Amino acid sequence: MKIKSSLALAAASLSLLGAARAAILTENFTNNPLQNGWQVFGDPNLFQWDSTNQNLKVTWDSSQSNSYFYHPLGTILGTNDDFSMSFDLLLTDYAIGVNPSAPATFELATGLLNYAEATSTNFLRGGYPTQPDLAEFDFFQWDDVQPYPDTNTVWPTFVDSENDFYYAGDSSYAVVELPTNLVMNVAMNYTAADQTCVLTITTNGAAVIAPVVVALPGLYGFGDYHLDTFAVESYSGLDSGGSLLAHGTIGHILLVVPPPPVTFLQAALCGGVGQVQFASLANWNYVLESSPDLITWSTNGPVVPGTGGNLILRDTNSIQRQQFYRVDALRED
């Protein structure tokens, strides 16, 4: 009696659109974003979809726990990966020192983070050393708290996996009080070749600030980061000495990142051996896993480094009556 073996792929659903050179995430809020891959961590009342104006109403409230309106990237970014992100920001009001016991300034933020770390109980954006793996836009309103009063500043903030901040003196930020009731386009463009990021803020094509340039190689001791999520971030002010309450909207999000580590995945039987073929990335390692039921998974072969081209992983075990395959991608750095 002949036994017919069947192959199938165990594939995850991603909202990112894969391409040969980049993946693009766009969100114009024409439809409910929670039905388009977006999720909420923390307090859902801080983020409300406005179907009429097609944007996201946001409350940044440091009195609440860390809360994020977020979308996974489908990959992990390091300092050797290009990325760009932009969004429209309109602030209706903002105030720091709203908690009398925390009178100092506190950041209004949106950007890239590591989801597992940013959702851990000890992640405190205003505390040290518990805020690793960030690449985000921050705005700090001025305060008059002595002996170190702060000025209005915007930052392209970078924090590596060891909690080292990018800081190169006054050139690290721009001094500006952001206007209210005016739509601004915030953009951060990072090029891996020189590990440089440029932050721009414009309104109707006119610059709100001169571009702020961050050059990571010029900072001694700054290491790598690992970013896997884009988020509108309302951080807790616990242990920070500062507090914030702000309201506004986010719209027209555009994010360009490298493609996911596994694309164009196909399974086949070749000479009675199960195998998968896919487009790989050079800075990732891959291992084939199989399952008869999509519940119990086992490793089927060695870890294979990516080539930047097509890669074939073959099942080292005997073929079963029914077999599902998936590829586990592991970033090298």
Protein backbone atom coordinates (compact mmCIF):
# COMPACT_ATOMS: atom_id res chain seq x y z
CA MET A 1 0.00 0.00 0.00
CA LYS A 2 1.37 3.39 -0.95
CA ILE A 3 1.20 6.22 1.57
CA LYS A 4 0.66 9.63 0.08
CA SER A 5 2.61 12.37 1.87
CA SER A 6 1.46 15.97 1.81
CA LEU A 7 3.40 19.17 2.48
CA ALA A 8 2.01 22.47 3.74
CA LEU A 9 3.42 25.75 4.95
CA ALA A 10 2.71 27.15 8.37
CA ALA A 11 2.60 30.85 7.57
CA ALA A 12 1.99 33.86 9.79
CA SER A 13 -0.19 36.74 8.66
CA LEU A 14 1.68 40.04 8.26
CA SER A 15 0.31 43.46 7.37
CA LEU A 16 3.67 44.59 6.02
CA LEU A 17 3.99 44.46 2.25
CA GLY A 18 7.17 42.58 1.35
CA ALA A 19 9.33 43.72 -1.53
CA ALA A 20 12.77 42.82 -2.80
CA ARG A 21 14.45 45.74 -1.07
CA ALA A 22 12.05 47.08 1.54
CA ALA A 23 8.79 46.63 3.37
CA ILE A 24 6.31 49.49 3.57
CA LEU A 25 3.72 50.11 6.24
CA THR A 26 1.20 52.86 5.58
CA GLU A 27 -1.76 53.92 7.70
CA ASN A 28 -4.11 56.71 6.68
CA PHE A 29 -6.86 55.79 9.18
CA THR A 30 -9.57 55.61 6.52
CA ASN A 31 -10.67 52.34 8.13
CA ASN A 32 -10.52 51.07 11.69
CA PRO A 33 -6.78 50.47 12.27
CA LEU A 34 -7.51 47.75 14.85
CA GLN A 35 -8.76 45.68 11.91
CA ASN A 36 -5.54 46.34 9.99
CA GLY A 37 -2.85 44.89 12.24
CA TRP A 38 -2.71 47.64 14.86
CA GLN A 39 -3.01 46.77 18.53
CA VAL A 40 -3.11 48.49 21.91
CA PHE A 41 -1.00 47.71 24.95
CA GLY A 42 -1.92 49.35 28.23
CA ASP A 43 -4.76 51.86 28.51
CA PRO A 44 -6.97 51.72 25.38
CA ASN A 45 -8.71 54.97 26.34
CA LEU A 46 -5.57 56.89 25.37
CA PHE A 47 -6.01 56.00 21.69
CA GLN A 48 -9.23 56.57 19.76
CA TRP A 49 -9.77 56.22 16.02
CA ASP A 50 -11.49 59.28 14.53
CA SER A 51 -13.32 57.96 11.48
CA THR A 52 -14.56 61.41 10.49
CA ASN A 53 -11.18 63.14 10.40
CA GLN A 54 -9.31 59.92 9.54
CA ASN A 55 -6.67 60.11 12.23
CA LEU A 56 -5.87 58.77 15.68
CA LYS A 57 -6.80 60.83 18.72
CA VAL A 58 -4.04 60.45 21.31
CA THR A 59 -3.68 61.34 24.97
CA TRP A 60 -0.13 61.27 26.31
CA ASP A 61 -0.65 60.84 30.05
CA SER A 62 2.31 60.08 32.31
CA SER A 63 -0.02 59.28 35.21
CA GLN A 64 -1.01 56.06 33.45
CA SER A 65 1.05 52.92 32.92
CA ASN A 66 3.12 52.52 29.75
CA SER A 67 0.63 52.41 26.88
CA TYR A 68 1.23 51.91 23.17
CA PHE A 69 -0.78 52.01 19.98
CA TYR A 70 1.50 49.75 17.97
CA HIS A 71 2.16 47.68 14.88
CA PRO A 72 4.83 44.94 14.59
CA LEU A 73 7.45 45.50 11.90
CA GLY A 74 7.70 41.85 10.89
CA THR A 75 11.48 42.08 11.27
CA ILE A 76 14.16 43.28 13.72
CA LEU A 77 16.13 46.45 12.97
CA GLY A 78 19.72 46.99 14.01
CA THR A 79 22.17 49.78 13.31
CA ASN A 80 23.08 48.10 10.02
CA ASP A 81 19.52 48.45 8.64
CA ASP A 82 18.10 51.46 6.81
CA PHE A 83 14.74 52.77 7.94
CA SER A 84 12.52 55.79 7.58
CA MET A 85 9.39 56.79 9.42
CA SER A 86 7.08 59.76 9.14
CA PHE A 87 3.72 60.80 10.52
CA ASP A 88 1.50 63.85 10.81
CA LEU A 89 1.33 65.30 14.31
CA LEU A 90 -1.17 67.85 15.56
CA LEU A 91 -1.02 68.95 19.19
CA THR A 92 -4.12 70.58 20.67
CA ASP A 93 -2.56 71.14 24.10
CA TYR A 94 0.32 69.97 26.27
CA ALA A 95 1.48 70.64 29.81
CA ILE A 96 4.27 69.31 31.98
CA GLY A 97 4.41 69.32 35.77
CA VAL A 98 0.74 68.37 36.00
CA ASN A 99 1.68 66.18 38.95
CA PRO A 100 2.88 68.61 41.70
CA SER A 101 5.20 65.94 43.09
CA ALA A 102 6.77 65.52 39.62
CA PRO A 103 7.23 69.10 38.33
CA ALA A 104 9.96 68.46 35.75
CA THR A 105 9.50 67.98 32.02
CA PHE A 106 8.54 64.66 30.43
CA GLU A 107 8.64 63.41 26.86
CA LEU A 108 5.90 63.18 24.27
CA ALA A 109 7.00 60.30 22.06
CA THR A 110 6.35 58.21 18.94
CA GLY A 111 8.76 55.82 17.26
CA LEU A 112 10.43 52.42 17.22
CA LEU A 113 10.91 50.11 20.17
CA ASN A 114 11.53 46.52 21.21
CA TYR A 115 8.11 45.23 22.17
CA ALA A 116 9.18 42.57 24.69
CA GLU A 117 11.33 45.08 26.55
CA ALA A 118 8.95 48.04 26.33
CA THR A 119 6.09 45.97 27.76
CA SER A 120 8.09 44.55 30.66
CA THR A 121 7.19 45.74 34.15
CA ASN A 122 10.59 47.36 34.76
CA PHE A 123 10.66 49.46 31.56
CA LEU A 124 10.55 53.10 32.67
CA ARG A 125 11.26 55.71 30.00
CA GLY A 126 11.94 58.37 32.62
CA GLY A 127 14.16 56.13 34.74
CA TYR A 128 17.66 54.79 34.36
CA PRO A 129 18.77 52.15 33.40
CA THR A 130 15.47 50.62 32.24
CA GLN A 131 14.75 51.96 28.76
CA PRO A 132 16.86 50.11 26.17
CA ASP A 133 16.32 49.70 22.41
CA LEU A 134 14.64 52.86 21.16
CA ALA A 135 14.71 55.03 18.05
CA GLU A 136 11.99 57.62 18.51
CA PHE A 137 10.86 61.20 18.15
CA ASP A 138 10.65 63.05 21.48
CA PHE A 139 9.40 66.49 22.42
CA PHE A 140 10.15 67.99 25.85
CA GLN A 141 8.38 71.16 26.97
CA TRP A 142 10.45 73.62 29.01
CA ASP A 143 10.41 73.61 32.79
CA ASP A 144 11.81 75.94 35.44
CA VAL A 145 12.82 73.30 37.93
CA GLN A 146 16.07 74.32 39.61
CA PRO A 147 18.97 73.81 39.63
CA TYR A 148 18.75 72.42 36.07
CA PRO A 149 15.85 74.03 34.20
CA ASP A 150 15.08 72.62 30.75
CA THR A 151 14.32 74.27 27.43
CA ASN A 152 11.82 73.26 24.75
CA THR A 153 13.56 70.55 22.75
CA VAL A 154 12.89 67.93 20.09
CA TRP A 155 15.14 64.89 19.84
CA PRO A 156 15.78 62.02 17.47
CA THR A 157 16.40 59.74 20.46
CA PHE A 158 18.49 56.57 20.10
CA VAL A 159 19.13 54.08 22.92
CA ASP A 160 21.10 50.88 22.37
CA SER A 161 20.51 47.46 23.93
CA GLU A 162 22.80 48.29 26.85
CA ASN A 163 20.81 51.45 27.65
CA ASP A 164 23.45 53.80 26.23
CA PHE A 165 21.92 57.03 24.89
CA TYR A 166 23.09 58.92 21.85
CA TYR A 167 24.25 62.32 23.03
CA ALA A 168 26.77 64.55 21.27
CA GLY A 169 26.15 67.87 22.93
CA ASP A 170 23.88 70.64 21.68
CA SER A 171 23.79 69.18 18.16
CA SER A 172 21.82 66.19 19.49
CA TYR A 173 18.55 68.14 19.60
CA ALA A 174 16.76 71.27 18.41
CA VAL A 175 15.43 74.02 20.66
CA VAL A 176 11.83 74.73 19.66
CA GLU A 177 8.41 75.08 21.23
CA LEU A 178 6.08 73.06 19.03
CA PRO A 179 2.95 74.92 17.92
CA THR A 180 -0.58 73.78 18.76
CA ASN A 181 -3.50 73.30 16.34
CA LEU A 182 -1.14 73.04 13.38
CA VAL A 183 -0.46 69.85 11.43
CA MET A 184 3.26 69.03 11.37
CA ASN A 185 4.96 66.25 9.44
CA VAL A 186 7.62 64.55 11.54
CA ALA A 187 10.17 62.43 9.66
CA MET A 188 13.21 60.40 10.73
CA ASN A 189 15.40 58.95 7.97
CA TYR A 190 18.24 56.62 8.95
CA THR A 191 20.95 55.36 6.58
CA ALA A 192 22.96 52.35 7.72
CA ALA A 193 25.97 53.05 5.50
CA ASP A 194 27.06 55.94 7.74
CA GLN A 195 24.71 55.16 10.68
CA THR A 196 23.24 58.65 10.43
CA CYS A 197 19.68 59.79 11.10
CA VAL A 198 18.11 63.08 10.05
CA LEU A 199 15.05 64.42 11.87
CA THR A 200 12.90 66.99 10.07
CA ILE A 201 9.65 68.70 11.10
CA THR A 202 7.73 70.62 8.47
CA THR A 203 4.32 72.20 8.05
CA ASN A 204 2.91 72.98 4.60
CA GLY A 205 6.41 72.31 3.26
CA ALA A 206 8.06 74.90 5.50
CA ALA A 207 10.60 73.84 8.12
CA VAL A 208 9.60 74.10 11.77
CA ILE A 209 13.20 73.31 12.77
CA ALA A 210 16.51 73.01 10.99
CA PRO A 211 17.26 69.32 10.38
CA VAL A 212 18.75 67.54 13.39
CA VAL A 213 21.48 65.08 12.42
CA VAL A 214 22.49 62.11 14.58
CA ALA A 215 25.71 60.27 13.66
CA LEU A 216 25.94 57.15 15.82
CA PRO A 217 29.58 56.25 14.95
CA GLY A 218 30.73 59.52 16.47
CA LEU A 219 29.55 58.50 19.93
CA TYR A 220 31.97 56.40 21.94
CA GLY A 221 30.46 53.27 23.42
CA PHE A 222 27.13 53.33 21.55
CA GLY A 223 26.30 49.75 20.54
CA ASP A 224 23.57 48.04 18.56
CA TYR A 225 19.82 48.14 19.11
CA HIS A 226 17.04 45.67 18.29
CA LEU A 227 13.76 47.25 17.21
CA ASP A 228 10.69 45.29 16.13
CA THR A 229 7.68 47.58 16.63
CA PHE A 230 6.41 51.02 15.64
CA ALA A 231 4.33 52.68 18.35
CA VAL A 232 2.61 55.84 19.44
CA GLU A 233 4.00 55.87 22.98
CA SER A 234 2.41 57.22 26.15
CA TYR A 235 5.00 56.55 28.81
CA SER A 236 4.57 56.24 32.55
CA GLY A 237 6.27 59.00 34.52
CA LEU A 238 7.02 56.70 37.44
CA ASP A 239 10.42 57.46 39.04
CA SER A 240 11.11 60.22 36.49
CA GLY A 241 10.52 63.38 38.51
CA GLY A 242 8.47 64.72 35.58
CA SER A 243 4.88 64.55 34.37
CA LEU A 244 2.95 65.22 31.16
CA LEU A 245 -0.61 65.54 29.92
CA ALA A 246 -1.03 66.25 26.22
CA HIS A 247 -3.70 65.77 23.57
CA GLY A 248 -3.47 65.64 19.82
CA THR A 249 -3.73 63.48 16.73
CA ILE A 250 -1.49 61.22 14.68
CA GLY A 251 -2.15 60.67 10.98
CA HIS A 252 -0.62 59.54 7.68
CA ILE A 253 1.95 57.11 9.05
CA LEU A 254 4.57 55.91 6.57
CA LEU A 255 7.24 53.42 7.58
CA VAL A 256 9.90 51.90 5.32
CA VAL A 257 12.08 49.10 6.73
CA PRO A 258 14.00 46.11 5.36
CA PRO A 259 11.86 43.18 4.25
CA PRO A 260 10.99 40.44 6.74
CA PRO A 261 13.78 37.85 7.12
CA VAL A 262 11.71 35.22 5.30
CA THR A 263 9.85 36.08 2.08
CA PHE A 264 8.57 34.16 -0.95
CA LEU A 265 8.35 30.95 1.08
CA GLN A 266 7.57 27.75 -0.85
CA ALA A 267 7.46 24.07 0.14
CA ALA A 268 8.07 21.09 -2.14
CA LEU A 269 8.88 17.39 -2.27
CA CYS A 270 12.19 16.76 -4.01
CA GLY A 271 13.24 13.13 -4.40
CA GLY A 272 10.99 12.17 -1.50
CA VAL A 273 12.57 14.80 0.75
CA GLY A 274 10.64 17.75 2.13
CA GLN A 275 12.22 21.14 1.60
CA VAL A 276 11.42 24.84 1.71
CA GLN A 277 12.83 27.61 -0.43
CA PHE A 278 12.71 31.32 0.41
CA ALA A 279 14.48 34.64 -0.02
CA SER A 280 16.96 35.12 2.84
CA LEU A 281 18.85 38.03 4.34
CA ALA A 282 22.62 38.01 4.88
CA ASN A 283 22.55 39.07 8.55
CA TRP A 284 20.16 36.33 9.65
CA ASN A 285 20.49 32.61 10.46
CA TYR A 286 17.77 30.09 9.62
CA VAL A 287 16.61 26.71 10.84
CA LEU A 288 13.84 24.49 9.48
CA GLU A 289 11.15 23.24 11.84
CA SER A 290 8.34 20.76 11.16
CA SER A 291 5.12 19.64 12.77
CA PRO A 292 2.50 16.97 12.05
CA ASP A 293 -0.27 18.99 13.67
CA LEU A 294 0.78 22.67 13.96
CA ILE A 295 1.07 22.14 17.73
CA THR A 296 4.26 20.18 18.36
CA TRP A 297 7.32 21.44 16.48
CA SER A 298 10.75 19.87 16.05
CA THR A 299 14.01 21.06 14.49
CA ASN A 300 14.80 19.44 11.17
CA GLY A 301 18.36 20.32 10.25
CA PRO A 302 21.25 22.63 11.14
CA VAL A 303 21.29 26.40 11.51
CA VAL A 304 22.13 27.88 8.10
CA PRO A 305 23.37 31.45 7.55
CA GLY A 306 21.44 33.61 5.10
CA THR A 307 23.03 34.57 1.81
CA GLY A 308 21.00 37.54 0.72
CA GLY A 309 19.52 35.35 -2.01
CA ASN A 310 17.39 32.23 -2.32
CA LEU A 311 18.02 29.61 0.36
CA ILE A 312 16.86 25.97 0.47
CA LEU A 313 16.43 24.10 3.75
CA ARG A 314 15.88 20.33 3.53
CA ASP A 315 14.19 18.07 6.07
CA THR A 316 16.77 15.73 7.60
CA ASN A 317 14.07 13.40 8.93
CA SER A 318 11.97 10.89 7.05
CA ILE A 319 8.87 12.30 5.40
CA GLN A 320 5.62 11.80 7.30
CA ARG A 321 2.05 11.31 6.12
CA GLN A 322 1.33 14.98 6.76
CA GLN A 323 4.00 17.59 7.44
CA PHE A 324 3.86 21.30 8.13
CA TYR A 325 6.98 23.44 7.88
CA ARG A 326 8.07 26.77 9.24
CA VAL A 327 11.37 28.64 9.19
CA ASP A 328 12.78 30.08 12.38
CA ALA A 329 14.83 33.21 11.62
CA LEU A 330 17.50 34.30 14.12
CA ARG A 331 19.26 37.64 13.79
CA GLU A 332 23.06 37.31 14.01
CA ASP A 333 23.79 40.43 16.09
